[in-house]
Amino acid sequence: MTEETAAMPASTKLSVRDVVTVKLPAASAYLSVLRTATAGLAARLDFTLDEIEDLRIAVDEACAMLLAQAVPGTDLICEFELNGDAMRISVAVLTVDGREPSRDTFAWTVLSSLAGEVDARVGADDRVTVTLQKRRGGAGAP
């Protein structure tokens, strides 16, 4: 929480909606940047330390699923949408074959338990997007 948000009335804090987009090379070497961004943005929404760690792991797992099929030399785009007591994270990459991650794997089950709500979709250009949504104190919280 910043000095600005601490000084805001409670009704204003609940209506905060920000979107942050991070674009970086589709390579595992850059995932630490997304984990750090995830933690910082979740802290801004007053998520607990456990919820923040769950989100960091979930983002890492979603990226690992996508990087396995990413077109070499492309970018990974991550969009964080902060809205009151929830964070929606969309991770997208241009893929070789345009396949959604399988929903009946252990990795998908772990992702769902960490993030609360998880979905995936394929765009017309074989861009695959995995979307996570976690609410503070909500589904997916320990």
C-alpha atoms as a PDB file:
ATOM      1  CA  MET A   1       0.000   0.000   0.000  1.00  0.00           C
ATOM      2  CA  THR A   2       1.352   3.393  -0.942  1.00  0.00           C
ATOM      3  CA  GLU A   3       0.878   6.679   0.898  1.00  0.00           C
ATOM      4  CA  GLU A   4      -1.610   7.695  -1.795  1.00  0.00           C
ATOM      5  CA  THR A   5      -3.807   4.606  -1.401  1.00  0.00           C
ATOM      6  CA  ALA A   6      -3.556   4.709   2.390  1.00  0.00           C
ATOM      7  CA  ALA A   7      -4.981   8.242   2.359  1.00  0.00           C
ATOM      8  CA  MET A   8      -7.902   7.250   0.105  1.00  0.00           C
ATOM      9  CA  PRO A   9     -11.328   6.636   1.616  1.00  0.00           C
ATOM     10  CA  ALA A  10     -12.300   2.941   1.755  1.00  0.00           C
ATOM     11  CA  SER A  11     -14.986   3.427  -0.924  1.00  0.00           C
ATOM     12  CA  THR A  12     -12.360   4.736  -3.358  1.00  0.00           C
ATOM     13  CA  LYS A  13      -9.957   1.858  -2.690  1.00  0.00           C
ATOM     14  CA  LEU A  14     -12.622  -0.676  -3.619  1.00  0.00           C
ATOM     15  CA  SER A  15     -13.249   0.968  -6.972  1.00  0.00           C
ATOM     16  CA  VAL A  16      -9.589   1.001  -8.072  1.00  0.00           C
ATOM     17  CA  ARG A  17      -9.176  -0.572 -11.516  1.00  0.00           C
ATOM     18  CA  ASP A  18      -5.792  -0.481 -13.127  1.00  0.00           C
ATOM     19  CA  VAL A  19      -4.319  -2.398 -16.055  1.00  0.00           C
ATOM     20  CA  VAL A  20      -0.589  -3.070 -16.308  1.00  0.00           C
ATOM     21  CA  THR A  21       0.903  -4.753 -19.385  1.00  0.00           C
ATOM     22  CA  VAL A  22       4.347  -6.346 -19.444  1.00  0.00           C
ATOM     23  CA  LYS A  23       5.901  -7.507 -22.719  1.00  0.00           C
ATOM     24  CA  LEU A  24       9.101  -9.509 -22.639  1.00  0.00           C
ATOM     25  CA  PRO A  25      10.931 -12.174 -24.639  1.00  0.00           C
ATOM     26  CA  ALA A  26       9.262 -15.590 -24.522  1.00  0.00           C
ATOM     27  CA  ALA A  27      12.109 -17.204 -22.585  1.00  0.00           C
ATOM     28  CA  SER A  28      12.196 -18.662 -19.095  1.00  0.00           C
ATOM     29  CA  ALA A  29      15.109 -16.383 -18.165  1.00  0.00           C
ATOM     30  CA  TYR A  30      12.648 -13.460 -17.936  1.00  0.00           C
ATOM     31  CA  LEU A  31       9.995 -15.104 -15.749  1.00  0.00           C
ATOM     32  CA  SER A  32      11.481 -13.613 -12.578  1.00  0.00           C
ATOM     33  CA  VAL A  33      10.338 -10.209 -13.883  1.00  0.00           C
ATOM     34  CA  LEU A  34       6.720 -11.431 -14.035  1.00  0.00           C
ATOM     35  CA  ARG A  35       6.919 -13.086 -10.608  1.00  0.00           C
ATOM     36  CA  THR A  36       8.165  -9.820  -9.122  1.00  0.00           C
ATOM     37  CA  ALA A  37       5.498  -7.756 -10.914  1.00  0.00           C
ATOM     38  CA  THR A  38       2.820 -10.203  -9.738  1.00  0.00           C
ATOM     39  CA  ALA A  39       3.931  -9.896  -6.121  1.00  0.00           C
ATOM     40  CA  GLY A  40       4.110  -6.108  -6.225  1.00  0.00           C
ATOM     41  CA  LEU A  41       0.695  -5.684  -7.807  1.00  0.00           C
ATOM     42  CA  ALA A  42      -0.959  -8.232  -5.505  1.00  0.00           C
ATOM     43  CA  ALA A  43       0.529  -6.410  -2.504  1.00  0.00           C
ATOM     44  CA  ARG A  44      -1.032  -3.207  -3.825  1.00  0.00           C
ATOM     45  CA  LEU A  45      -4.436  -4.915  -3.456  1.00  0.00           C
ATOM     46  CA  ASP A  46      -3.583  -6.049   0.092  1.00  0.00           C
ATOM     47  CA  PHE A  47      -3.434  -9.758  -0.738  1.00  0.00           C
ATOM     48  CA  THR A  48      -2.012 -11.866   2.094  1.00  0.00           C
ATOM     49  CA  LEU A  49       1.542 -13.175   1.846  1.00  0.00           C
ATOM     50  CA  ASP A  50       0.185 -16.676   1.126  1.00  0.00           C
ATOM     51  CA  GLU A  51      -2.097 -15.364  -1.635  1.00  0.00           C
ATOM     52  CA  ILE A  52       0.799 -13.425  -3.155  1.00  0.00           C
ATOM     53  CA  GLU A  53       3.007 -16.514  -3.174  1.00  0.00           C
ATOM     54  CA  ASP A  54       0.184 -18.580  -4.727  1.00  0.00           C
ATOM     55  CA  LEU A  55      -0.157 -16.004  -7.507  1.00  0.00           C
ATOM     56  CA  ARG A  56       3.587 -15.905  -8.124  1.00  0.00           C
ATOM     57  CA  ILE A  57       3.663 -19.691  -8.517  1.00  0.00           C
ATOM     58  CA  ALA A  58       0.500 -19.673 -10.660  1.00  0.00           C
ATOM     59  CA  VAL A  59       1.938 -17.078 -13.066  1.00  0.00           C
ATOM     60  CA  ASP A  60       5.147 -19.078 -13.304  1.00  0.00           C
ATOM     61  CA  GLU A  61       3.184 -22.274 -14.046  1.00  0.00           C
ATOM     62  CA  ALA A  62       0.977 -20.590 -16.668  1.00  0.00           C
ATOM     63  CA  CYS A  63       4.062 -19.199 -18.395  1.00  0.00           C
ATOM     64  CA  ALA A  64       5.796 -22.588 -18.329  1.00  0.00           C
ATOM     65  CA  MET A  65       2.768 -24.127 -20.070  1.00  0.00           C
ATOM     66  CA  LEU A  66       2.890 -21.477 -22.775  1.00  0.00           C
ATOM     67  CA  LEU A  67       6.651 -21.263 -23.261  1.00  0.00           C
ATOM     68  CA  ALA A  68       6.755 -24.967 -24.103  1.00  0.00           C
ATOM     69  CA  GLN A  69       4.907 -24.205 -27.352  1.00  0.00           C
ATOM     70  CA  ALA A  70       6.013 -20.614 -28.042  1.00  0.00           C
ATOM     71  CA  VAL A  71       7.349 -19.622 -31.451  1.00  0.00           C
ATOM     72  CA  PRO A  72      11.077 -18.934 -30.949  1.00  0.00           C
ATOM     73  CA  GLY A  73      11.973 -15.255 -30.860  1.00  0.00           C
ATOM     74  CA  THR A  74       8.451 -14.041 -30.016  1.00  0.00           C
ATOM     75  CA  ASP A  75       7.226 -12.074 -27.025  1.00  0.00           C
ATOM     76  CA  LEU A  76       5.249 -13.118 -23.982  1.00  0.00           C
ATOM     77  CA  ILE A  77       2.600 -10.558 -23.081  1.00  0.00           C
ATOM     78  CA  CYS A  78       1.217 -10.441 -19.573  1.00  0.00           C
ATOM     79  CA  GLU A  79      -1.670  -8.185 -18.628  1.00  0.00           C
ATOM     80  CA  PHE A  80      -2.555  -7.561 -14.995  1.00  0.00           C
ATOM     81  CA  GLU A  81      -5.981  -6.096 -14.286  1.00  0.00           C
ATOM     82  CA  LEU A  82      -6.491  -4.884 -10.728  1.00  0.00           C
ATOM     83  CA  ASN A  83     -10.068  -4.341  -9.700  1.00  0.00           C
ATOM     84  CA  GLY A  84     -10.991  -3.742  -6.045  1.00  0.00           C
ATOM     85  CA  ASP A  85     -10.303  -7.042  -4.309  1.00  0.00           C
ATOM     86  CA  ALA A  86      -9.425  -9.105  -7.399  1.00  0.00           C
ATOM     87  CA  MET A  87      -6.571  -9.539  -9.806  1.00  0.00           C
ATOM     88  CA  ARG A  88      -6.993 -10.915 -13.317  1.00  0.00           C
ATOM     89  CA  ILE A  89      -3.808 -11.998 -15.067  1.00  0.00           C
ATOM     90  CA  SER A  90      -3.699 -12.903 -18.765  1.00  0.00           C
ATOM     91  CA  VAL A  91      -0.554 -14.421 -20.222  1.00  0.00           C
ATOM     92  CA  ALA A  92      -0.359 -14.791 -24.008  1.00  0.00           C
ATOM     93  CA  VAL A  93       2.176 -16.006 -26.549  1.00  0.00           C
ATOM     94  CA  LEU A  94       2.221 -16.824 -30.243  1.00  0.00           C
ATOM     95  CA  THR A  95       2.466 -20.622 -30.464  1.00  0.00           C
ATOM     96  CA  VAL A  96       3.714 -23.131 -32.991  1.00  0.00           C
ATOM     97  CA  ASP A  97       0.519 -25.183 -33.090  1.00  0.00           C
ATOM     98  CA  GLY A  98      -2.225 -23.102 -31.437  1.00  0.00           C
ATOM     99  CA  ARG A  99      -3.203 -25.743 -28.885  1.00  0.00           C
ATOM    100  CA  GLU A 100      -4.803 -24.868 -25.558  1.00  0.00           C
ATOM    101  CA  PRO A 101      -3.054 -26.333 -22.532  1.00  0.00           C
ATOM    102  CA  SER A 102      -4.697 -29.596 -21.501  1.00  0.00           C
ATOM    103  CA  ARG A 103      -7.156 -29.130 -18.639  1.00  0.00           C
ATOM    104  CA  ASP A 104      -6.863 -32.704 -17.387  1.00  0.00           C
ATOM    105  CA  THR A 105      -3.231 -32.518 -16.296  1.00  0.00           C
ATOM    106  CA  PHE A 106      -1.711 -32.206 -12.850  1.00  0.00           C
ATOM    107  CA  ALA A 107      -0.267 -28.809 -13.855  1.00  0.00           C
ATOM    108  CA  TRP A 108      -3.753 -27.457 -14.682  1.00  0.00           C
ATOM    109  CA  THR A 109      -5.115 -28.769 -11.357  1.00  0.00           C
ATOM    110  CA  VAL A 110      -2.300 -27.064  -9.452  1.00  0.00           C
ATOM    111  CA  LEU A 111      -2.846 -23.854 -11.418  1.00  0.00           C
ATOM    112  CA  SER A 112      -6.581 -23.899 -10.620  1.00  0.00           C
ATOM    113  CA  SER A 113      -6.010 -24.464  -6.924  1.00  0.00           C
ATOM    114  CA  LEU A 114      -3.474 -21.632  -6.711  1.00  0.00           C
ATOM    115  CA  ALA A 115      -5.312 -19.016  -8.763  1.00  0.00           C
ATOM    116  CA  GLY A 116      -8.975 -19.699  -8.111  1.00  0.00           C
ATOM    117  CA  GLU A 117     -10.344 -19.252 -11.653  1.00  0.00           C
ATOM    118  CA  VAL A 118      -8.371 -20.370 -14.702  1.00  0.00           C
ATOM    119  CA  ASP A 119      -9.252 -20.362 -18.387  1.00  0.00           C
ATOM    120  CA  ALA A 120      -7.435 -20.712 -21.706  1.00  0.00           C
ATOM    121  CA  ARG A 121      -8.274 -19.748 -25.248  1.00  0.00           C
ATOM    122  CA  VAL A 122      -6.708 -19.738 -28.692  1.00  0.00           C
ATOM    123  CA  GLY A 123      -6.852 -16.678 -30.934  1.00  0.00           C
ATOM    124  CA  ALA A 124      -7.116 -16.690 -34.716  1.00  0.00           C
ATOM    125  CA  ASP A 125      -3.350 -16.213 -35.087  1.00  0.00           C
ATOM    126  CA  ASP A 126      -2.500 -19.279 -32.895  1.00  0.00           C
ATOM    127  CA  ARG A 127      -1.882 -16.959 -29.952  1.00  0.00           C
ATOM    128  CA  VAL A 128      -2.708 -18.913 -26.793  1.00  0.00           C
ATOM    129  CA  THR A 129      -3.840 -17.023 -23.688  1.00  0.00           C
ATOM    130  CA  VAL A 130      -4.116 -18.375 -20.167  1.00  0.00           C
ATOM    131  CA  THR A 131      -6.177 -16.219 -17.817  1.00  0.00           C
ATOM    132  CA  LEU A 132      -6.078 -16.434 -14.032  1.00  0.00           C
ATOM    133  CA  GLN A 133      -8.334 -14.605 -11.629  1.00  0.00           C
ATOM    134  CA  LYS A 134      -7.888 -14.506  -7.889  1.00  0.00           C
ATOM    135  CA  ARG A 135      -9.916 -12.647  -5.337  1.00  0.00           C
ATOM    136  CA  ARG A 136      -8.462 -11.523  -2.034  1.00  0.00           C
ATOM    137  CA  GLY A 137      -9.560 -14.074   0.566  1.00  0.00           C
ATOM    138  CA  GLY A 138     -11.507 -15.954  -2.129  1.00  0.00           C
ATOM    139  CA  ALA A 139     -11.250 -19.201  -4.060  1.00  0.00           C
ATOM    140  CA  GLY A 140      -7.774 -20.609  -4.207  1.00  0.00           C
ATOM    141  CA  ALA A 141      -6.778 -19.045  -0.882  1.00  0.00           C
ATOM    142  CA  PRO A 142      -5.443 -21.418   1.763  1.00  0.00           C
END
